[in-house]
Amino acid sequence: MTKKSNFFQSMKAVLWAFLGVRKKAGLQHDVASLSFVHIIIAGVVGALLFMAILLLIVKVVVSH
């Protein structure tokens, strides 16, 4: 029986997915243990963080 993971593990898996570097064994472990709801929430949080960082970079570049 696989242990369900916490939200931090889901966030870590989503961030690795954003980078596109994930081993097949890691993916299979994530599919077996991560909560679908945690993945959705982590994906939304990750996308919002990504957009905020991009907007911050654009503001810094444009202000100079």
C-alpha atoms as a PDB file:
ATOM      1  CA  MET A   1       0.000   0.000   0.000  1.00  0.00           C
ATOM      2  CA  THR A   2       1.378   3.393  -0.959  1.00  0.00           C
ATOM      3  CA  LYS A   3       1.311   6.279   1.452  1.00  0.00           C
ATOM      4  CA  LYS A   4      -0.496   9.405   0.296  1.00  0.00           C
ATOM      5  CA  SER A   5       1.761  12.413   0.017  1.00  0.00           C
ATOM      6  CA  ASN A   6       1.332  15.884   1.432  1.00  0.00           C
ATOM      7  CA  PHE A   7       0.869  19.165  -0.424  1.00  0.00           C
ATOM      8  CA  PHE A   8       4.602  19.997  -0.321  1.00  0.00           C
ATOM      9  CA  GLN A   9       5.414  16.813  -2.240  1.00  0.00           C
ATOM     10  CA  SER A  10       2.745  17.684  -4.792  1.00  0.00           C
ATOM     11  CA  MET A  11       4.177  21.184  -5.193  1.00  0.00           C
ATOM     12  CA  LYS A  12       7.651  19.727  -5.664  1.00  0.00           C
ATOM     13  CA  ALA A  13       6.386  17.354  -8.378  1.00  0.00           C
ATOM     14  CA  VAL A  14       4.598  20.199 -10.183  1.00  0.00           C
ATOM     15  CA  LEU A  15       7.701  22.397 -10.106  1.00  0.00           C
ATOM     16  CA  TRP A  16       9.790  19.557 -11.556  1.00  0.00           C
ATOM     17  CA  ALA A  17       7.135  19.152 -14.244  1.00  0.00           C
ATOM     18  CA  PHE A  18       7.362  22.873 -15.064  1.00  0.00           C
ATOM     19  CA  LEU A  19      11.085  22.419 -15.609  1.00  0.00           C
ATOM     20  CA  GLY A  20      10.492  19.338 -17.731  1.00  0.00           C
ATOM     21  CA  VAL A  21      13.085  17.170 -16.005  1.00  0.00           C
ATOM     22  CA  ARG A  22      11.452  14.115 -14.502  1.00  0.00           C
ATOM     23  CA  LYS A  23      12.550  10.497 -14.531  1.00  0.00           C
ATOM     24  CA  LYS A  24      10.011   7.859 -15.459  1.00  0.00           C
ATOM     25  CA  ALA A  25      10.366   6.182 -12.061  1.00  0.00           C
ATOM     26  CA  GLY A  26       9.604   9.497 -10.345  1.00  0.00           C
ATOM     27  CA  LEU A  27       6.574  10.025 -12.521  1.00  0.00           C
ATOM     28  CA  GLN A  28       5.239   6.560 -11.751  1.00  0.00           C
ATOM     29  CA  HIS A  29       5.749   7.131  -8.025  1.00  0.00           C
ATOM     30  CA  ASP A  30       3.923  10.472  -8.241  1.00  0.00           C
ATOM     31  CA  VAL A  31       0.983   8.957 -10.112  1.00  0.00           C
ATOM     32  CA  ALA A  32       0.661   6.262  -7.466  1.00  0.00           C
ATOM     33  CA  SER A  33       0.962   8.497  -4.422  1.00  0.00           C
ATOM     34  CA  LEU A  34      -0.087  12.094  -5.148  1.00  0.00           C
ATOM     35  CA  SER A  35      -3.569  13.432  -4.575  1.00  0.00           C
ATOM     36  CA  PHE A  36      -5.371  14.746  -7.663  1.00  0.00           C
ATOM     37  CA  VAL A  37      -6.695  17.744  -5.723  1.00  0.00           C
ATOM     38  CA  HIS A  38      -3.202  18.592  -4.447  1.00  0.00           C
ATOM     39  CA  ILE A  39      -1.840  18.459  -7.996  1.00  0.00           C
ATOM     40  CA  ILE A  40      -4.528  20.831  -9.296  1.00  0.00           C
ATOM     41  CA  ILE A  41      -3.962  23.309  -6.461  1.00  0.00           C
ATOM     42  CA  ALA A  42      -0.162  23.070  -6.798  1.00  0.00           C
ATOM     43  CA  GLY A  43      -0.442  23.625 -10.560  1.00  0.00           C
ATOM     44  CA  VAL A  44      -2.528  26.765 -10.092  1.00  0.00           C
ATOM     45  CA  VAL A  45      -0.151  28.083  -7.408  1.00  0.00           C
ATOM     46  CA  GLY A  46       2.847  27.294  -9.622  1.00  0.00           C
ATOM     47  CA  ALA A  47       1.299  29.066 -12.610  1.00  0.00           C
ATOM     48  CA  LEU A  48       0.482  32.145 -10.501  1.00  0.00           C
ATOM     49  CA  LEU A  49       4.040  32.250  -9.142  1.00  0.00           C
ATOM     50  CA  PHE A  50       5.431  31.914 -12.657  1.00  0.00           C
ATOM     51  CA  MET A  51       3.271  34.783 -13.932  1.00  0.00           C
ATOM     52  CA  ALA A  52       4.186  36.969 -10.930  1.00  0.00           C
ATOM     53  CA  ILE A  53       7.901  36.392 -11.529  1.00  0.00           C
ATOM     54  CA  LEU A  54       7.523  37.227 -15.229  1.00  0.00           C
ATOM     55  CA  LEU A  55       5.617  40.419 -14.426  1.00  0.00           C
ATOM     56  CA  LEU A  56       8.270  41.405 -11.891  1.00  0.00           C
ATOM     57  CA  ILE A  57      11.031  40.867 -14.453  1.00  0.00           C
ATOM     58  CA  VAL A  58       9.160  42.930 -17.065  1.00  0.00           C
ATOM     59  CA  LYS A  59       8.607  45.796 -14.581  1.00  0.00           C
ATOM     60  CA  VAL A  60      12.287  45.831 -13.642  1.00  0.00           C
ATOM     61  CA  VAL A  61      13.436  45.805 -17.285  1.00  0.00           C
ATOM     62  CA  VAL A  62      10.944  48.448 -18.436  1.00  0.00           C
ATOM     63  CA  SER A  63      11.672  50.786 -15.502  1.00  0.00           C
ATOM     64  CA  HIS A  64      15.365  51.036 -16.458  1.00  0.00           C
END
